[in-house]
């Protein structure tokens, strides 16, 4: 196992700052075109990946986000008519809720996804040739495997 030396610590700090900077730029692009922040788009995109509806715990897991943070985002998305919440009895648990994209929410996600993909390309993907992408994916796979243990 590699030790946490100065180079690895520096790489960690650079990774943190670069990810934050890229997220800020993508957020700016979404706000400029749609007046909607990245963290709201992330919820719409997660719901889309999950088939259009899911329990909050599944969305939270998909986004690696605390349930309390997700709840606030869903509240705002629901206020604007992009998602709905429905009580779904699951066995004896009548508190079970399912969050679903509305037609408006699906259309918004579809349109915003063009801006999102263009922004990710401009601020991230364009800087990775095939070798760098392969190396990055390998490192991310190793990190994900470590989390699964």
Protein backbone atom coordinates (compact mmCIF):
# COMPACT_ATOMS: atom_id res chain seq x y z
CA UNK A 1 0.00 0.00 0.00
CA UNK A 2 1.31 3.42 -0.97
CA UNK A 3 2.03 5.85 1.87
CA UNK A 4 0.50 9.29 2.04
CA UNK A 5 3.53 11.24 0.92
CA UNK A 6 3.73 14.87 -0.17
CA UNK A 7 2.99 14.03 -3.81
CA UNK A 8 -0.18 12.06 -2.94
CA UNK A 9 -1.38 14.72 -0.52
CA UNK A 10 -0.78 17.40 -3.14
CA UNK A 11 -2.64 15.32 -5.76
CA UNK A 12 -5.59 14.99 -3.36
CA UNK A 13 -5.71 18.75 -2.77
CA UNK A 14 -5.46 19.50 -6.50
CA UNK A 15 -8.21 16.96 -7.23
CA UNK A 16 -10.49 18.58 -4.64
CA UNK A 17 -9.95 22.06 -5.99
CA UNK A 18 -10.27 21.05 -9.67
CA UNK A 19 -13.51 19.15 -9.09
CA UNK A 20 -14.93 22.11 -7.16
CA UNK A 21 -13.86 24.51 -9.92
CA UNK A 22 -15.36 22.36 -12.70
CA UNK A 23 -18.60 21.99 -10.75
CA UNK A 24 -18.71 25.77 -10.24
CA UNK A 25 -18.28 26.36 -13.97
CA UNK A 26 -20.93 23.80 -14.93
CA UNK A 27 -23.25 25.39 -12.35
CA UNK A 28 -22.59 28.83 -13.86
CA UNK A 29 -23.38 27.54 -17.35
CA UNK A 30 -26.66 25.96 -16.19
CA UNK A 31 -27.67 29.07 -14.26
CA UNK A 32 -26.80 31.33 -17.20
CA UNK A 33 -28.95 29.38 -19.64
CA UNK A 34 -31.67 27.98 -17.37
CA UNK A 35 -31.49 29.90 -14.07
CA UNK A 36 -31.35 26.49 -12.37
CA UNK A 37 -28.38 25.28 -10.29
CA UNK A 38 -26.36 22.15 -10.92
CA UNK A 39 -27.56 20.51 -7.69
CA UNK A 40 -31.19 20.66 -8.90
CA UNK A 41 -30.18 19.30 -12.31
CA UNK A 42 -28.35 16.47 -10.55
CA UNK A 43 -31.62 15.35 -8.92
CA UNK A 44 -33.47 15.44 -12.26
CA UNK A 45 -30.64 13.50 -13.90
CA UNK A 46 -30.57 10.91 -11.09
CA UNK A 47 -34.32 10.39 -11.45
CA UNK A 48 -33.87 9.99 -15.20
CA UNK A 49 -31.15 7.36 -14.66
CA UNK A 50 -33.41 5.57 -12.15
CA UNK A 51 -36.22 5.24 -14.69
CA UNK A 52 -38.15 8.42 -13.91
CA UNK A 53 -39.17 7.65 -10.34
CA UNK A 54 -37.59 6.32 -7.18
CA UNK A 55 -37.73 6.41 -3.42
CA UNK A 56 -35.73 9.23 -1.87
CA UNK A 57 -33.24 6.78 -0.38
CA UNK A 58 -32.42 5.44 -3.87
CA UNK A 59 -31.93 8.97 -5.22
CA UNK A 60 -29.78 9.85 -2.23
CA UNK A 61 -27.66 6.75 -2.81
CA UNK A 62 -27.37 7.51 -6.54
CA UNK A 63 -26.09 11.02 -5.77
CA UNK A 64 -24.02 10.05 -2.71
CA UNK A 65 -25.93 12.77 -0.90
CA UNK A 66 -27.37 12.91 2.63
CA UNK A 67 -31.13 12.38 2.63
CA UNK A 68 -31.71 15.74 4.38
CA UNK A 69 -29.97 17.62 1.55
CA UNK A 70 -31.95 15.70 -1.05
CA UNK A 71 -35.23 16.50 0.72
CA UNK A 72 -34.60 20.25 0.44
CA UNK A 73 -33.81 19.92 -3.26
CA UNK A 74 -36.89 17.81 -3.93
CA UNK A 75 -39.01 20.37 -2.06
CA UNK A 76 -37.89 23.09 -4.48
CA UNK A 77 -38.26 20.90 -7.56
CA UNK A 78 -41.76 19.97 -6.45
CA UNK A 79 -42.68 23.63 -5.85
CA UNK A 80 -41.71 24.37 -9.46
CA UNK A 81 -43.65 21.39 -10.82
CA UNK A 82 -40.71 19.35 -12.06
CA UNK A 83 -41.22 16.41 -9.70
CA UNK A 84 -44.08 14.98 -7.68
CA UNK A 85 -44.13 12.96 -4.48
CA UNK A 86 -46.58 10.11 -3.97
CA UNK A 87 -47.21 7.98 -0.94
CA UNK A 88 -46.56 4.35 -1.90
CA UNK A 89 -47.59 1.80 0.67
CA UNK A 90 -44.81 -0.77 0.89
CA UNK A 91 -46.07 -3.59 3.05
CA UNK A 92 -46.97 -2.08 6.39
CA UNK A 93 -44.91 1.10 5.87
CA UNK A 94 -47.43 3.71 4.78
CA UNK A 95 -44.80 6.43 5.04
CA UNK A 96 -43.02 5.23 1.89
CA UNK A 97 -42.73 8.01 -0.69
CA UNK A 98 -41.81 7.87 -4.34
CA UNK A 99 -40.46 10.89 -6.22
CA UNK A 100 -41.27 11.06 -9.93
CA UNK A 101 -40.34 13.33 -12.78
CA UNK A 102 -43.34 15.16 -14.19
CA UNK A 103 -43.69 15.62 -17.94
CA UNK A 104 -42.40 19.16 -17.38
CA UNK A 105 -39.45 17.76 -15.41
CA UNK A 106 -38.56 15.25 -18.14
CA UNK A 107 -38.69 17.99 -20.77
CA UNK A 108 -36.58 20.29 -18.60
CA UNK A 109 -33.99 17.55 -17.97
CA UNK A 110 -33.81 16.77 -21.70
CA UNK A 111 -33.23 20.43 -22.62
CA UNK A 112 -30.82 21.12 -19.74
CA UNK A 113 -28.86 17.96 -20.52
CA UNK A 114 -27.64 19.58 -23.74
CA UNK A 115 -26.17 22.49 -21.76
CA UNK A 116 -24.79 20.15 -19.10
CA UNK A 117 -23.03 17.89 -21.61
CA UNK A 118 -21.60 20.86 -23.51
CA UNK A 119 -20.29 22.33 -20.25
CA UNK A 120 -18.75 19.05 -19.05
CA UNK A 121 -17.09 18.69 -22.45
CA UNK A 122 -15.69 22.22 -22.32
CA UNK A 123 -14.47 22.20 -18.73
CA UNK A 124 -13.46 18.54 -18.28
CA UNK A 125 -13.59 16.01 -21.11
CA UNK A 126 -11.70 18.07 -23.67
CA UNK A 127 -8.60 17.86 -21.45
CA UNK A 128 -8.48 14.04 -21.41
CA UNK A 129 -7.00 12.05 -24.27
CA UNK A 130 -7.71 8.30 -24.38
CA UNK A 131 -4.69 7.43 -22.24
CA UNK A 132 -5.52 9.96 -19.55
CA UNK A 133 -9.16 8.85 -19.61
CA UNK A 134 -8.14 5.22 -19.18
CA UNK A 135 -5.81 6.08 -16.28
CA UNK A 136 -8.47 8.21 -14.60
CA UNK A 137 -11.12 5.52 -15.00
CA UNK A 138 -8.76 2.93 -13.54
CA UNK A 139 -8.03 5.13 -10.51
CA UNK A 140 -11.76 5.82 -10.00
CA UNK A 141 -12.51 2.10 -10.26
CA UNK A 142 -9.89 1.42 -7.58
CA UNK A 143 -11.46 4.08 -5.32
CA UNK A 144 -14.93 2.64 -5.88
CA UNK A 145 -13.68 -0.87 -5.06
CA UNK A 146 -12.16 0.46 -1.84
CA UNK A 147 -15.54 2.02 -0.89
CA UNK A 148 -17.30 -1.31 -1.56
CA UNK A 149 -15.05 -3.15 0.93
